[in-house]
Structure formats: C-alpha cells, structure tokens
C-alpha cells in the first residue's frame, strides 16, 4: 500500500500584539464579581483582564489585592474590611 502524506497548511493568524497587563502584584483594586469560574472562584475584570478571587459570589463589590499575575489572568484575595460580606 502506498503512503499518502498530507500537506501542512501554514499557520494562520500571524502576529498578534500583546496587550499590556493592567494589574501588578501587590497592588489593590476595586472590583465587582461578574461570574463564577469552574472551581467556584469569583471572576472580575479590569480592562478586560480576568482576575480570579477566591471565596466570593456574583455581585460582590470589594477591594482585592493581587497575589499573582500570568499572561492571561491574575489571582487576588479580598482585602480585610472591604465589604465582601
């Protein structure tokens, strides 16, 4: 039997510029929890950038402190006394 090879297509999309990350580790921000992630963490956004906040629910408005930042999302914790109840 004869082997057939498939031609590869060139990668589409090309160059995508990287947006600057609008948050920094250790900084505090006022956010509103918009939805819940698959693990139950609250999801907030700053300039479209996703921030996961543990122990919150949809509709909470609170101040958070950024713990870690990656290229696509950040992880934050509520600041004590920020009205997260």
C-alpha atoms as a PDB file:
ATOM      1  CA  UNK A   1       0.000   0.000   0.000  1.00  0.00           C
ATOM      2  CA  UNK A   2       1.181   3.447  -0.847  1.00  0.00           C
ATOM      3  CA  UNK A   3       1.606   6.015   1.915  1.00  0.00           C
ATOM      4  CA  UNK A   4      -0.032   9.338   1.451  1.00  0.00           C
ATOM      5  CA  UNK A   5       1.266  12.447   3.117  1.00  0.00           C
ATOM      6  CA  UNK A   6      -0.918  15.377   3.917  1.00  0.00           C
ATOM      7  CA  UNK A   7       0.368  18.823   3.185  1.00  0.00           C
ATOM      8  CA  UNK A   8       0.573  21.117   6.148  1.00  0.00           C
ATOM      9  CA  UNK A   9      -1.164  24.407   5.923  1.00  0.00           C
ATOM     10  CA  UNK A  10       0.711  27.484   7.046  1.00  0.00           C
ATOM     11  CA  UNK A  11      -0.247  28.718  10.497  1.00  0.00           C
ATOM     12  CA  UNK A  12      -2.990  31.287  10.315  1.00  0.00           C
ATOM     13  CA  UNK A  13      -3.400  34.399  12.363  1.00  0.00           C
ATOM     14  CA  UNK A  14       0.083  35.772  12.093  1.00  0.00           C
ATOM     15  CA  UNK A  15       1.479  38.211  14.616  1.00  0.00           C
ATOM     16  CA  UNK A  16      -0.809  39.205  17.479  1.00  0.00           C
ATOM     17  CA  UNK A  17       0.353  42.191  19.521  1.00  0.00           C
ATOM     18  CA  UNK A  18       0.454  41.634  23.264  1.00  0.00           C
ATOM     19  CA  UNK A  19      -1.687  43.989  25.328  1.00  0.00           C
ATOM     20  CA  UNK A  20      -0.062  45.427  28.442  1.00  0.00           C
ATOM     21  CA  UNK A  21      -1.257  43.769  31.648  1.00  0.00           C
ATOM     22  CA  UNK A  22      -3.361  46.325  33.578  1.00  0.00           C
ATOM     23  CA  UNK A  23      -2.628  44.924  37.073  1.00  0.00           C
ATOM     24  CA  UNK A  24       0.506  44.388  39.176  1.00  0.00           C
ATOM     25  CA  UNK A  25       1.374  42.054  42.063  1.00  0.00           C
ATOM     26  CA  UNK A  26       0.806  43.678  45.455  1.00  0.00           C
ATOM     27  CA  UNK A  27      -1.497  46.410  44.131  1.00  0.00           C
ATOM     28  CA  UNK A  28      -5.085  46.840  45.330  1.00  0.00           C
ATOM     29  CA  UNK A  29      -8.109  47.379  43.064  1.00  0.00           C
ATOM     30  CA  UNK A  30     -11.866  47.866  43.495  1.00  0.00           C
ATOM     31  CA  UNK A  31     -13.735  45.203  41.517  1.00  0.00           C
ATOM     32  CA  UNK A  32     -17.177  43.665  41.080  1.00  0.00           C
ATOM     33  CA  UNK A  33     -17.551  39.892  40.746  1.00  0.00           C
ATOM     34  CA  UNK A  34     -19.263  39.223  37.399  1.00  0.00           C
ATOM     35  CA  UNK A  35     -19.426  35.426  37.341  1.00  0.00           C
ATOM     36  CA  UNK A  36     -18.051  32.230  38.849  1.00  0.00           C
ATOM     37  CA  UNK A  37     -15.264  30.092  37.448  1.00  0.00           C
ATOM     38  CA  UNK A  38     -15.380  26.308  37.118  1.00  0.00           C
ATOM     39  CA  UNK A  39     -13.681  25.909  40.516  1.00  0.00           C
ATOM     40  CA  UNK A  40     -16.084  28.282  42.272  1.00  0.00           C
ATOM     41  CA  UNK A  41     -13.784  31.313  42.314  1.00  0.00           C
ATOM     42  CA  UNK A  42     -15.303  34.704  41.562  1.00  0.00           C
ATOM     43  CA  UNK A  43     -14.319  36.316  38.273  1.00  0.00           C
ATOM     44  CA  UNK A  44     -13.776  40.056  37.970  1.00  0.00           C
ATOM     45  CA  UNK A  45     -12.299  42.027  35.077  1.00  0.00           C
ATOM     46  CA  UNK A  46     -10.131  45.114  34.860  1.00  0.00           C
ATOM     47  CA  UNK A  47      -9.893  46.481  31.310  1.00  0.00           C
ATOM     48  CA  UNK A  48     -10.989  43.033  30.082  1.00  0.00           C
ATOM     49  CA  UNK A  49      -8.204  41.258  32.012  1.00  0.00           C
ATOM     50  CA  UNK A  50      -9.529  38.318  34.086  1.00  0.00           C
ATOM     51  CA  UNK A  51      -8.986  38.246  37.855  1.00  0.00           C
ATOM     52  CA  UNK A  52      -9.925  35.207  39.961  1.00  0.00           C
ATOM     53  CA  UNK A  53     -10.958  35.947  43.554  1.00  0.00           C
ATOM     54  CA  UNK A  54     -11.473  33.019  45.943  1.00  0.00           C
ATOM     55  CA  UNK A  55     -14.383  32.999  48.385  1.00  0.00           C
ATOM     56  CA  UNK A  56     -16.651  35.479  46.621  1.00  0.00           C
ATOM     57  CA  UNK A  57     -20.019  35.357  44.914  1.00  0.00           C
ATOM     58  CA  UNK A  58     -21.616  37.088  41.932  1.00  0.00           C
ATOM     59  CA  UNK A  59     -22.477  40.716  42.627  1.00  0.00           C
ATOM     60  CA  UNK A  60     -19.890  41.281  45.386  1.00  0.00           C
ATOM     61  CA  UNK A  61     -18.197  44.690  45.180  1.00  0.00           C
ATOM     62  CA  UNK A  62     -14.922  44.650  47.051  1.00  0.00           C
ATOM     63  CA  UNK A  63     -11.284  45.686  47.167  1.00  0.00           C
ATOM     64  CA  UNK A  64      -8.784  42.980  46.237  1.00  0.00           C
ATOM     65  CA  UNK A  65      -5.008  42.605  46.438  1.00  0.00           C
ATOM     66  CA  UNK A  66      -3.258  40.883  43.514  1.00  0.00           C
ATOM     67  CA  UNK A  67      -1.293  37.774  44.592  1.00  0.00           C
ATOM     68  CA  UNK A  68      -0.002  36.560  41.235  1.00  0.00           C
ATOM     69  CA  UNK A  69      -0.158  37.571  37.590  1.00  0.00           C
ATOM     70  CA  UNK A  70       0.245  35.480  34.442  1.00  0.00           C
ATOM     71  CA  UNK A  71      -0.120  36.460  30.778  1.00  0.00           C
ATOM     72  CA  UNK A  72      -3.835  35.628  30.661  1.00  0.00           C
ATOM     73  CA  UNK A  73      -5.175  36.108  34.210  1.00  0.00           C
ATOM     74  CA  UNK A  74      -4.412  37.199  37.773  1.00  0.00           C
ATOM     75  CA  UNK A  75      -5.247  35.719  41.179  1.00  0.00           C
ATOM     76  CA  UNK A  76      -6.315  38.024  44.002  1.00  0.00           C
ATOM     77  CA  UNK A  77      -7.568  37.888  47.584  1.00  0.00           C
ATOM     78  CA  UNK A  78     -10.141  40.181  49.200  1.00  0.00           C
ATOM     79  CA  UNK A  79      -8.693  42.919  51.421  1.00  0.00           C
ATOM     80  CA  UNK A  80      -9.988  42.776  55.011  1.00  0.00           C
ATOM     81  CA  UNK A  81     -12.811  45.224  55.690  1.00  0.00           C
ATOM     82  CA  UNK A  82     -13.600  45.831  52.036  1.00  0.00           C
ATOM     83  CA  UNK A  83     -17.306  44.996  52.323  1.00  0.00           C
ATOM     84  CA  UNK A  84     -17.190  41.481  50.910  1.00  0.00           C
ATOM     85  CA  UNK A  85     -19.940  40.134  53.162  1.00  0.00           C
END
